[in-house]
Structures are given as C-alpha cells and as structure tokens.
Full PDB file with SEQRES, HELIX, SHEET, SSBOND, CRYST1, ORIGX, SCALE, CONECT and MASTER records, all heavy atoms in Angstrom:
SEQRES   1 A   37  LYS PRO GLU ASP THR ALA THR TYR TYR CYS ALA ALA THR          
SEQRES   2 A   37  SER ARG SER TYR ILE ASN SER PRO VAL SER LEU LYS ASN          
SEQRES   3 A   37  MET TYR GLU TYR TRP GLY GLN GLY THR GLN VAL                  
HELIX    1 AA1 PRO A    2  ASP A    4  5                                   3    
HELIX    2 AA2 LYS A   25  MET A   27  5                                   3    
SHEET    1 AA1 2 THR A   7  TYR A   8  0                                        
SHEET    2 AA1 2 THR A  35  GLN A  36 -1                                        
SHEET    1 AA2 2 ALA A  11  ALA A  12  0                                        
SHEET    2 AA2 2 TYR A  30  TRP A  31 -1                                        
CRYST1    1.000    1.000    1.000  90.00  90.00  90.00 P 1           1          
ORIGX1      1.000000  0.000000  0.000000        0.00000                         
ORIGX2      0.000000  1.000000  0.000000        0.00000                         
ORIGX3      0.000000  0.000000  1.000000        0.00000                         
SCALE1      1.000000  0.000000  0.000000        0.00000                         
SCALE2      0.000000  1.000000  0.000000        0.00000                         
SCALE3      0.000000  0.000000  1.000000        0.00000                         
ATOM      1  N   LYS A   1      55.237 103.055 139.516  1.00  0.00           N  
ATOM      2  CA  LYS A   1      55.134 104.342 138.814  1.00  0.00           C  
ATOM      3  C   LYS A   1      55.640 105.431 139.782  1.00  0.00           C  
ATOM      4  O   LYS A   1      55.523 105.261 140.981  1.00  0.00           O  
ATOM      5  CB  LYS A   1      53.694 104.626 138.394  1.00  0.00           C  
ATOM      6  CG  LYS A   1      53.067 103.551 137.539  1.00  0.00           C  
ATOM      7  CD  LYS A   1      51.587 103.868 137.325  1.00  0.00           C  
ATOM      8  CE  LYS A   1      50.925 102.793 136.512  1.00  0.00           C  
ATOM      9  NZ  LYS A   1      49.499 103.084 136.264  1.00  0.00           N  
ATOM     10  N   PRO A   2      56.087 106.582 139.278  1.00  0.00           N  
ATOM     11  CA  PRO A   2      56.506 107.635 140.146  1.00  0.00           C  
ATOM     12  C   PRO A   2      55.417 108.055 141.113  1.00  0.00           C  
ATOM     13  O   PRO A   2      55.692 108.469 142.252  1.00  0.00           O  
ATOM     14  CB  PRO A   2      56.863 108.799 139.153  1.00  0.00           C  
ATOM     15  CG  PRO A   2      57.267 108.065 137.923  1.00  0.00           C  
ATOM     16  CD  PRO A   2      56.451 106.841 137.849  1.00  0.00           C  
ATOM     17  N   GLU A   3      54.143 107.992 140.680  1.00  0.00           N  
ATOM     18  CA  GLU A   3      53.023 108.340 141.587  1.00  0.00           C  
ATOM     19  C   GLU A   3      52.779 107.345 142.737  1.00  0.00           C  
ATOM     20  O   GLU A   3      51.981 107.621 143.594  1.00  0.00           O  
ATOM     21  CB  GLU A   3      51.743 108.526 140.755  1.00  0.00           C  
ATOM     22  CG  GLU A   3      51.403 107.424 139.860  1.00  0.00           C  
ATOM     23  CD  GLU A   3      51.875 107.642 138.426  1.00  0.00           C  
ATOM     24  OE1 GLU A   3      52.980 108.099 138.213  1.00  0.00           O  
ATOM     25  OE2 GLU A   3      51.017 107.358 137.485  1.00  0.00           O  
ATOM     26  N   ASP A   4      53.558 106.276 142.705  1.00  0.00           N  
ATOM     27  CA  ASP A   4      53.478 105.361 143.839  1.00  0.00           C  
ATOM     28  C   ASP A   4      54.404 105.759 144.944  1.00  0.00           C  
ATOM     29  O   ASP A   4      54.399 105.153 146.068  1.00  0.00           O  
ATOM     30  CB  ASP A   4      53.856 103.901 143.415  1.00  0.00           C  
ATOM     31  CG  ASP A   4      52.888 103.328 142.423  1.00  0.00           C  
ATOM     32  OD1 ASP A   4      51.665 103.505 142.671  1.00  0.00           O  
ATOM     33  OD2 ASP A   4      53.301 102.668 141.467  1.00  0.00           O  
ATOM     34  N   THR A   5      55.219 106.793 144.763  1.00  0.00           N  
ATOM     35  CA  THR A   5      56.095 107.266 145.738  1.00  0.00           C  
ATOM     36  C   THR A   5      55.364 107.744 146.971  1.00  0.00           C  
ATOM     37  O   THR A   5      54.464 108.592 146.870  1.00  0.00           O  
ATOM     38  CB  THR A   5      56.995 108.435 145.180  1.00  0.00           C  
ATOM     39  OG1 THR A   5      57.826 107.940 144.129  1.00  0.00           O  
ATOM     40  CG2 THR A   5      57.830 109.052 146.281  1.00  0.00           C  
ATOM     41  N   ALA A   6      55.683 107.204 148.115  1.00  0.00           N  
ATOM     42  CA  ALA A   6      54.965 107.523 149.369  1.00  0.00           C  
ATOM     43  C   ALA A   6      55.654 106.775 150.502  1.00  0.00           C  
ATOM     44  O   ALA A   6      56.496 105.890 150.300  1.00  0.00           O  
ATOM     45  CB  ALA A   6      53.530 107.136 149.262  1.00  0.00           C  
ATOM     46  N   THR A   7      55.218 107.141 151.714  1.00  0.00           N  
ATOM     47  CA  THR A   7      55.542 106.275 152.884  1.00  0.00           C  
ATOM     48  C   THR A   7      54.409 105.297 152.982  1.00  0.00           C  
ATOM     49  O   THR A   7      53.244 105.644 153.006  1.00  0.00           O  
ATOM     50  CB  THR A   7      55.648 107.144 154.154  1.00  0.00           C  
ATOM     51  OG1 THR A   7      56.710 108.125 154.001  1.00  0.00           O  
ATOM     52  CG2 THR A   7      55.987 106.264 155.345  1.00  0.00           C  
ATOM     53  N   TYR A   8      54.793 103.983 153.080  1.00  0.00           N  
ATOM     54  CA  TYR A   8      53.837 102.921 153.159  1.00  0.00           C  
ATOM     55  C   TYR A   8      53.738 102.449 154.574  1.00  0.00           C  
ATOM     56  O   TYR A   8      54.747 102.160 155.243  1.00  0.00           O  
ATOM     57  CB  TYR A   8      54.232 101.791 152.224  1.00  0.00           C  
ATOM     58  CG  TYR A   8      53.961 102.099 150.798  1.00  0.00           C  
ATOM     59  CD1 TYR A   8      54.664 103.054 150.108  1.00  0.00           C  
ATOM     60  CD2 TYR A   8      52.931 101.430 150.078  1.00  0.00           C  
ATOM     61  CE1 TYR A   8      54.389 103.374 148.782  1.00  0.00           C  
ATOM     62  CE2 TYR A   8      52.618 101.745 148.780  1.00  0.00           C  
ATOM     63  CZ  TYR A   8      53.360 102.722 148.131  1.00  0.00           C  
ATOM     64  OH  TYR A   8      53.060 103.052 146.816  1.00  0.00           O  
ATOM     65  N   TYR A   9      52.472 102.279 155.045  1.00  0.00           N  
ATOM     66  CA  TYR A   9      52.208 101.895 156.406  1.00  0.00           C  
ATOM     67  C   TYR A   9      51.432 100.587 156.436  1.00  0.00           C  
ATOM     68  O   TYR A   9      50.440 100.376 155.703  1.00  0.00           O  
ATOM     69  CB  TYR A   9      51.378 102.933 157.125  1.00  0.00           C  
ATOM     70  CG  TYR A   9      52.036 104.240 157.313  1.00  0.00           C  
ATOM     71  CD1 TYR A   9      51.940 105.246 156.367  1.00  0.00           C  
ATOM     72  CD2 TYR A   9      52.811 104.503 158.418  1.00  0.00           C  
ATOM     73  CE1 TYR A   9      52.574 106.466 156.511  1.00  0.00           C  
ATOM     74  CE2 TYR A   9      53.458 105.699 158.626  1.00  0.00           C  
ATOM     75  CZ  TYR A   9      53.363 106.709 157.632  1.00  0.00           C  
ATOM     76  OH  TYR A   9      53.942 107.915 157.768  1.00  0.00           O  
ATOM     77  N   CYS A  10      51.833  99.717 157.312  1.00  0.00           N  
ATOM     78  CA  CYS A  10      51.155  98.467 157.609  1.00  0.00           C  
ATOM     79  C   CYS A  10      50.207  98.728 158.773  1.00  0.00           C  
ATOM     80  O   CYS A  10      50.555  99.517 159.709  1.00  0.00           O  
ATOM     81  CB  CYS A  10      52.188  97.401 157.935  1.00  0.00           C  
ATOM     82  SG  CYS A  10      51.568  95.925 158.691  1.00  0.00           S  
ATOM     83  N   ALA A  11      49.022  98.087 158.766  1.00  0.00           N  
ATOM     84  CA  ALA A  11      48.082  98.305 159.836  1.00  0.00           C  
ATOM     85  C   ALA A  11      47.380  97.002 160.185  1.00  0.00           C  
ATOM     86  O   ALA A  11      47.239  96.120 159.328  1.00  0.00           O  
ATOM     87  CB  ALA A  11      47.044  99.376 159.472  1.00  0.00           C  
ATOM     88  N   ALA A  12      46.936  96.892 161.416  1.00  0.00           N  
ATOM     89  CA  ALA A  12      46.188  95.695 161.908  1.00  0.00           C  
ATOM     90  C   ALA A  12      44.904  96.090 162.582  1.00  0.00           C  
ATOM     91  O   ALA A  12      44.869  97.106 163.288  1.00  0.00           O  
ATOM     92  CB  ALA A  12      47.068  94.931 162.855  1.00  0.00           C  
ATOM     93  N   THR A  13      43.850  95.295 162.341  1.00  0.00           N  
ATOM     94  CA  THR A  13      42.582  95.558 163.004  1.00  0.00           C  
ATOM     95  C   THR A  13      42.002  94.220 163.513  1.00  0.00           C  
ATOM     96  O   THR A  13      42.048  93.219 162.891  1.00  0.00           O  
ATOM     97  CB  THR A  13      41.583  96.187 161.994  1.00  0.00           C  
ATOM     98  OG1 THR A  13      40.323  96.360 162.692  1.00  0.00           O  
ATOM     99  CG2 THR A  13      41.362  95.333 160.784  1.00  0.00           C  
ATOM    100  N   SER A  14      41.452  94.367 164.724  1.00  0.00           N  
ATOM    101  CA  SER A  14      40.703  93.216 165.299  1.00  0.00           C  
ATOM    102  C   SER A  14      39.240  93.360 165.033  1.00  0.00           C  
ATOM    103  O   SER A  14      38.434  92.478 165.301  1.00  0.00           O  
ATOM    104  CB  SER A  14      40.905  93.179 166.813  1.00  0.00           C  
ATOM    105  OG  SER A  14      40.391  94.330 167.425  1.00  0.00           O  
ATOM    106  N   ARG A  15      38.871  94.470 164.410  1.00  0.00           N  
ATOM    107  CA  ARG A  15      37.443  94.775 164.107  1.00  0.00           C  
ATOM    108  C   ARG A  15      37.026  94.306 162.711  1.00  0.00           C  
ATOM    109  O   ARG A  15      36.599  95.091 161.887  1.00  0.00           O  
ATOM    110  CB  ARG A  15      37.266  96.299 164.227  1.00  0.00           C  
ATOM    111  CG  ARG A  15      37.627  96.843 165.568  1.00  0.00           C  
ATOM    112  CD  ARG A  15      37.739  98.382 165.490  1.00  0.00           C  
ATOM    113  NE  ARG A  15      38.215  98.940 166.746  1.00  0.00           N  
ATOM    114  CZ  ARG A  15      38.712 100.148 166.851  1.00  0.00           C  
ATOM    115  NH1 ARG A  15      38.754 100.954 165.816  1.00  0.00           N  
ATOM    116  NH2 ARG A  15      39.176 100.586 168.037  1.00  0.00           N  
ATOM    117  N   SER A  16      37.221  93.067 162.495  1.00  0.00           N  
ATOM    118  CA  SER A  16      36.894  92.503 161.180  1.00  0.00           C  
ATOM    119  C   SER A  16      36.393  91.078 161.295  1.00  0.00           C  
ATOM    120  O   SER A  16      36.761  90.381 162.179  1.00  0.00           O  
ATOM    121  CB  SER A  16      38.090  92.556 160.213  1.00  0.00           C  
ATOM    122  OG  SER A  16      39.133  91.713 160.678  1.00  0.00           O  
ATOM    123  N   TYR A  17      35.567  90.696 160.363  1.00  0.00           N  
ATOM    124  CA  TYR A  17      35.114  89.328 160.326  1.00  0.00           C  
ATOM    125  C   TYR A  17      36.196  88.504 159.574  1.00  0.00           C  
ATOM    126  O   TYR A  17      37.025  89.033 158.882  1.00  0.00           O  
ATOM    127  CB  TYR A  17      33.782  89.242 159.531  1.00  0.00           C  
ATOM    128  CG  TYR A  17      32.637  89.906 160.237  1.00  0.00           C  
ATOM    129  CD1 TYR A  17      32.134  91.143 159.788  1.00  0.00           C  
ATOM    130  CD2 TYR A  17      32.055  89.338 161.369  1.00  0.00           C  
ATOM    131  CE1 TYR A  17      31.106  91.750 160.413  1.00  0.00           C  
ATOM    132  CE2 TYR A  17      31.040  89.947 162.057  1.00  0.00           C  
ATOM    133  CZ  TYR A  17      30.535  91.134 161.555  1.00  0.00           C  
ATOM    134  OH  TYR A  17      29.534  91.753 162.217  1.00  0.00           O  
ATOM    135  N   ILE A  18      36.126  87.219 159.775  1.00  0.00           N  
ATOM    136  CA  ILE A  18      37.222  86.381 159.334  1.00  0.00           C  
ATOM    137  C   ILE A  18      37.459  86.431 157.826  1.00  0.00           C  
ATOM    138  O   ILE A  18      38.583  86.289 157.349  1.00  0.00           O  
ATOM    139  CB  ILE A  18      37.045  84.920 159.801  1.00  0.00           C  
ATOM    140  CG1 ILE A  18      38.323  84.095 159.573  1.00  0.00           C  
ATOM    141  CG2 ILE A  18      35.817  84.302 159.150  1.00  0.00           C  
ATOM    142  CD1 ILE A  18      38.346  82.795 160.317  1.00  0.00           C  
ATOM    143  N   ASN A  19      36.446  86.644 157.040  1.00  0.00           N  
ATOM    144  CA  ASN A  19      36.591  86.709 155.559  1.00  0.00           C  
ATOM    145  C   ASN A  19      36.323  88.033 154.973  1.00  0.00           C  
ATOM    146  O   ASN A  19      35.974  88.160 153.821  1.00  0.00           O  
ATOM    147  CB  ASN A  19      35.687  85.646 154.963  1.00  0.00           C  
ATOM    148  CG  ASN A  19      36.229  84.237 155.181  1.00  0.00           C  
ATOM    149  OD1 ASN A  19      37.414  83.985 155.059  1.00  0.00           O  
ATOM    150  ND2 ASN A  19      35.298  83.295 155.485  1.00  0.00           N  
ATOM    151  N   SER A  20      36.453  89.093 155.804  1.00  0.00           N  
ATOM    152  CA  SER A  20      36.192  90.474 155.272  1.00  0.00           C  
ATOM    153  C   SER A  20      37.376  91.386 155.465  1.00  0.00           C  
ATOM    154  O   SER A  20      37.697  91.779 156.589  1.00  0.00           O  
ATOM    155  CB  SER A  20      34.974  91.034 156.087  1.00  0.00           C  
ATOM    156  OG  SER A  20      33.825  90.302 155.867  1.00  0.00           O  
ATOM    157  N   PRO A  21      38.011  91.710 154.320  1.00  0.00           N  
ATOM    158  CA  PRO A  21      39.095  92.709 154.455  1.00  0.00           C  
ATOM    159  C   PRO A  21      38.525  94.088 154.726  1.00  0.00           C  
ATOM    160  O   PRO A  21      37.365  94.389 154.369  1.00  0.00           O  
ATOM    161  CB  PRO A  21      39.750  92.669 153.046  1.00  0.00           C  
ATOM    162  CG  PRO A  21      38.682  92.141 152.200  1.00  0.00           C  
ATOM    163  CD  PRO A  21      37.842  91.243 152.993  1.00  0.00           C  
ATOM    164  N   VAL A  22      39.336  94.956 155.389  1.00  0.00           N  
ATOM    165  CA  VAL A  22      38.872  96.275 155.814  1.00  0.00           C  
ATOM    166  C   VAL A  22      39.640  97.361 155.089  1.00  0.00           C  
ATOM    167  O   VAL A  22      40.901  97.375 155.129  1.00  0.00           O  
ATOM    168  CB  VAL A  22      39.037  96.394 157.327  1.00  0.00           C  
ATOM    169  CG1 VAL A  22      38.652  97.791 157.811  1.00  0.00           C  
ATOM    170  CG2 VAL A  22      38.260  95.340 158.043  1.00  0.00           C  
ATOM    171  N   SER A  23      38.948  98.253 154.439  1.00  0.00           N  
ATOM    172  CA  SER A  23      39.594  99.296 153.693  1.00  0.00           C  
ATOM    173  C   SER A  23      39.559 100.695 154.405  1.00  0.00           C  
ATOM    174  O   SER A  23      40.338 101.582 154.010  1.00  0.00           O  
ATOM    175  CB  SER A  23      38.967  99.441 152.295  1.00  0.00           C  
ATOM    176  OG  SER A  23      37.635  99.850 152.464  1.00  0.00           O  
ATOM    177  N   LEU A  24      38.800 100.810 155.439  1.00  0.00           N  
ATOM    178  CA  LEU A  24      38.651 102.107 156.139  1.00  0.00           C  
ATOM    179  C   LEU A  24      39.793 102.242 157.170  1.00  0.00           C  
ATOM    180  O   LEU A  24      39.910 101.431 158.095  1.00  0.00           O  
ATOM    181  CB  LEU A  24      37.308 102.194 156.851  1.00  0.00           C  
ATOM    182  CG  LEU A  24      36.092 102.160 155.903  1.00  0.00           C  
ATOM    183  CD1 LEU A  24      34.815 102.161 156.712  1.00  0.00           C  
ATOM    184  CD2 LEU A  24      36.091 103.338 154.959  1.00  0.00           C  
ATOM    185  N   LYS A  25      40.583 103.309 157.014  1.00  0.00           N  
ATOM    186  CA  LYS A  25      41.700 103.432 157.889  1.00  0.00           C  
ATOM    187  C   LYS A  25      41.286 103.634 159.348  1.00  0.00           C  
ATOM    188  O   LYS A  25      42.063 103.279 160.292  1.00  0.00           O  
ATOM    189  CB  LYS A  25      42.647 104.584 157.424  1.00  0.00           C  
ATOM    190  CG  LYS A  25      42.013 105.950 157.398  1.00  0.00           C  
ATOM    191  CD  LYS A  25      42.930 106.969 156.793  1.00  0.00           C  
ATOM    192  CE  LYS A  25      42.283 108.341 156.609  1.00  0.00           C  
ATOM    193  NZ  LYS A  25      43.091 109.300 155.876  1.00  0.00           N  
ATOM    194  N   ASN A  26      40.125 104.240 159.582  1.00  0.00           N  
ATOM    195  CA  ASN A  26      39.646 104.466 160.963  1.00  0.00           C  
ATOM    196  C   ASN A  26      39.334 103.158 161.703  1.00  0.00           C  
ATOM    197  O   ASN A  26      39.148 103.160 162.918  1.00  0.00           O  
ATOM    198  CB  ASN A  26      38.453 105.377 160.979  1.00  0.00           C  
ATOM    199  CG  ASN A  26      38.825 106.801 160.577  1.00  0.00           C  
ATOM    200  OD1 ASN A  26      39.981 107.183 160.582  1.00  0.00           O  
ATOM    201  ND2 ASN A  26      37.847 107.561 160.180  1.00  0.00           N  
ATOM    202  N   MET A  27      39.203 102.041 160.941  1.00  0.00           N  
ATOM    203  CA  MET A  27      38.937 100.786 161.573  1.00  0.00           C  
ATOM    204  C   MET A  27      40.206 100.108 162.094  1.00  0.00           C  
ATOM    205  O   MET A  27      40.107  99.102 162.801  1.00  0.00           O  
ATOM    206  CB  MET A  27      38.237  99.839 160.562  1.00  0.00           C  
ATOM    207  CG  MET A  27      36.861 100.334 160.150  1.00  0.00           C  
ATOM    208  SD  MET A  27      35.684 100.116 161.495  1.00  0.00           S  
ATOM    209  CE  MET A  27      35.517  98.335 161.567  1.00  0.00           C  
ATOM    210  N   TYR A  28      41.339 100.619 161.748  1.00  0.00           N  
ATOM    211  CA  TYR A  28      42.605 100.009 162.157  1.00  0.00           C  
ATOM    212  C   TYR A  28      43.076 100.598 163.494  1.00  0.00           C  
ATOM    213  O   TYR A  28      43.123 101.786 163.634  1.00  0.00           O  
ATOM    214  CB  TYR A  28      43.664 100.181 161.062  1.00  0.00           C  
ATOM    215  CG  TYR A  28      43.422  99.269 159.871  1.00  0.00           C  
ATOM    216  CD1 TYR A  28      42.577  99.629 158.830  1.00  0.00           C  
ATOM    217  CD2 TYR A  28      44.030  98.023 159.861  1.00  0.00           C  
ATOM    218  CE1 TYR A  28      42.322  98.768 157.772  1.00  0.00           C  
ATOM    219  CE2 TYR A  28      43.788  97.160 158.775  1.00  0.00           C  
ATOM    220  CZ  TYR A  28      42.952  97.538 157.766  1.00  0.00           C  
ATOM    221  OH  TYR A  28      42.716  96.684 156.712  1.00  0.00           O  
ATOM    222  N   GLU A  29      43.475  99.692 164.370  1.00  0.00           N  
ATOM    223  CA  GLU A  29      43.893 100.106 165.719  1.00  0.00           C  
ATOM    224  C   GLU A  29      45.388 100.215 165.824  1.00  0.00           C  
ATOM    225  O   GLU A  29      45.850 100.965 166.706  1.00  0.00           O  
ATOM    226  CB  GLU A  29      43.376  99.026 166.731  1.00  0.00           C  
ATOM    227  CG  GLU A  29      41.912  98.820 166.744  1.00  0.00           C  
ATOM    228  CD  GLU A  29      41.618  97.335 166.949  1.00  0.00           C  
ATOM    229  OE1 GLU A  29      41.647  96.590 165.959  1.00  0.00           O  
ATOM    230  OE2 GLU A  29      41.354  96.937 168.096  1.00  0.00           O  
ATOM    231  N   TYR A  30      46.126  99.496 165.035  1.00  0.00           N  
ATOM    232  CA  TYR A  30      47.546  99.436 165.206  1.00  0.00           C  
ATOM    233  C   TYR A  30      48.256  99.793 163.880  1.00  0.00           C  
ATOM    234  O   TYR A  30      47.793  99.297 162.821  1.00  0.00           O  
ATOM    235  CB  TYR A  30      48.016  98.069 165.689  1.00  0.00           C  
ATOM    236  CG  TYR A  30      47.321  97.627 166.945  1.00  0.00           C  
ATOM    237  CD1 TYR A  30      46.276  96.726 166.908  1.00  0.00           C  
ATOM    238  CD2 TYR A  30      47.699  98.165 168.182  1.00  0.00           C  
ATOM    239  CE1 TYR A  30      45.615  96.333 168.044  1.00  0.00           C  
ATOM    240  CE2 TYR A  30      47.080  97.763 169.365  1.00  0.00           C  
ATOM    241  CZ  TYR A  30      46.054  96.865 169.275  1.00  0.00           C  
ATOM    242  OH  TYR A  30      45.409  96.479 170.437  1.00  0.00           O  
ATOM    243  N   TRP A  31      49.306 100.527 163.969  1.00  0.00           N  
ATOM    244  CA  TRP A  31      50.065 100.998 162.800  1.00  0.00           C  
ATOM    245  C   TRP A  31      51.530 100.797 162.962  1.00  0.00           C  
ATOM    246  O   TRP A  31      52.060 100.944 164.051  1.00  0.00           O  
ATOM    247  CB  TRP A  31      49.790 102.465 162.515  1.00  0.00           C  
ATOM    248  CG  TRP A  31      48.347 102.764 162.156  1.00  0.00           C  
ATOM    249  CD1 TRP A  31      47.287 102.881 163.031  1.00  0.00           C  
ATOM    250  CD2 TRP A  31      47.837 102.869 160.843  1.00  0.00           C  
ATOM    251  NE1 TRP A  31      46.132 103.117 162.315  1.00  0.00           N  
ATOM    252  CE2 TRP A  31      46.454 103.145 160.966  1.00  0.00           C  
ATOM    253  CE3 TRP A  31      48.371 102.835 159.567  1.00  0.00           C  
ATOM    254  CZ2 TRP A  31      45.599 103.266 159.848  1.00  0.00           C  
ATOM    255  CZ3 TRP A  31      47.570 103.028 158.468  1.00  0.00           C  
ATOM    256  CH2 TRP A  31      46.196 103.232 158.604  1.00  0.00           C  
ATOM    257  N   GLY A  32      52.201 100.480 161.847  1.00  0.00           N  
ATOM    258  CA  GLY A  32      53.676 100.457 161.866  1.00  0.00           C  
ATOM    259  C   GLY A  32      54.198 101.850 161.697  1.00  0.00           C  
ATOM    260  O   GLY A  32      53.525 102.814 161.609  1.00  0.00           O  
ATOM    261  N   GLN A  33      55.526 101.905 161.709  1.00  0.00           N  
ATOM    262  CA  GLN A  33      56.220 103.208 161.679  1.00  0.00           C  
ATOM    263  C   GLN A  33      56.350 103.748 160.252  1.00  0.00           C  
ATOM    264  O   GLN A  33      56.691 104.895 160.043  1.00  0.00           O  
ATOM    265  CB  GLN A  33      57.632 103.070 162.266  1.00  0.00           C  
ATOM    266  CG  GLN A  33      58.718 102.503 161.385  1.00  0.00           C  
ATOM    267  CD  GLN A  33      58.582 101.022 161.183  1.00  0.00           C  
ATOM    268  OE1 GLN A  33      57.742 100.359 161.798  1.00  0.00           O  
ATOM    269  NE2 GLN A  33      59.448 100.478 160.333  1.00  0.00           N  
ATOM    270  N   GLY A  34      56.125 102.927 159.252  1.00  0.00           N  
ATOM    271  CA  GLY A  34      56.159 103.324 157.873  1.00  0.00           C  
ATOM    272  C   GLY A  34      57.501 102.989 157.227  1.00  0.00           C  
ATOM    273  O   GLY A  34      58.552 102.962 157.888  1.00  0.00           O  
ATOM    274  N   THR A  35      57.479 102.788 155.949  1.00  0.00           N  
ATOM    275  CA  THR A  35      58.696 102.523 155.157  1.00  0.00           C  
ATOM    276  C   THR A  35      58.555 103.332 153.836  1.00  0.00           C  
ATOM    277  O   THR A  35      57.515 103.319 153.213  1.00  0.00           O  
ATOM    278  CB  THR A  35      58.902 101.014 154.906  1.00  0.00           C  
ATOM    279  OG1 THR A  35      60.165 100.864 154.267  1.00  0.00           O  
ATOM    280  CG2 THR A  35      57.793 100.405 154.041  1.00  0.00           C  
ATOM    281  N   GLN A  36      59.648 104.001 153.485  1.00  0.00           N  
ATOM    282  CA  GLN A  36      59.604 104.859 152.331  1.00  0.00           C  
ATOM    283  C   GLN A  36      59.850 104.112 151.021  1.00  0.00           C  
ATOM    284  O   GLN A  36      60.721 103.297 150.951  1.00  0.00           O  
ATOM    285  CB  GLN A  36      60.684 105.959 152.469  1.00  0.00           C  
ATOM    286  CG  GLN A  36      60.771 106.947 151.313  1.00  0.00           C  
ATOM    287  CD  GLN A  36      59.563 107.825 151.194  1.00  0.00           C  
ATOM    288  OE1 GLN A  36      58.971 108.209 152.193  1.00  0.00           O  
ATOM    289  NE2 GLN A  36      59.122 108.105 149.942  1.00  0.00           N  
ATOM    290  N   VAL A  37      58.963 104.448 150.063  1.00  0.00           N  
ATOM    291  CA  VAL A  37      59.137 103.895 148.733  1.00  0.00           C  
ATOM    292  C   VAL A  37      59.216 105.071 147.776  1.00  0.00           C  
ATOM    293  O   VAL A  37      58.383 105.935 147.761  1.00  0.00           O  
ATOM    294  CB  VAL A  37      57.936 103.027 148.312  1.00  0.00           C  
ATOM    295  CG1 VAL A  37      58.018 102.651 146.832  1.00  0.00           C  
ATOM    296  CG2 VAL A  37      57.877 101.742 149.186  1.00  0.00           C  
TER     297      VAL A  37                                                      
MASTER        0    0    0    2    4    0    0    6  296    1    0    3          
END                                                                             
C-alpha cells in the first residue's frame, strides 16, 4: 500500500531468548543502512 512507503531497516539483537522475537527497537544493538521502499 502507499502507506508502506518508508526506509526499511534490518536490525540484530543478542538480547533475546532463543524462541522470543523482539519488537522493541531499543533492544537492538546493530542496524543496517536502510533500503528505500
């Protein structure tokens, strides 16, 4: 949808349990440079 227009960033966190996805951006330590959609 047009409202999906944004820069999309990939992120990685070591602060997670093996079966728990993390939704809080402050928990992520590493970020990519972003890709425009």
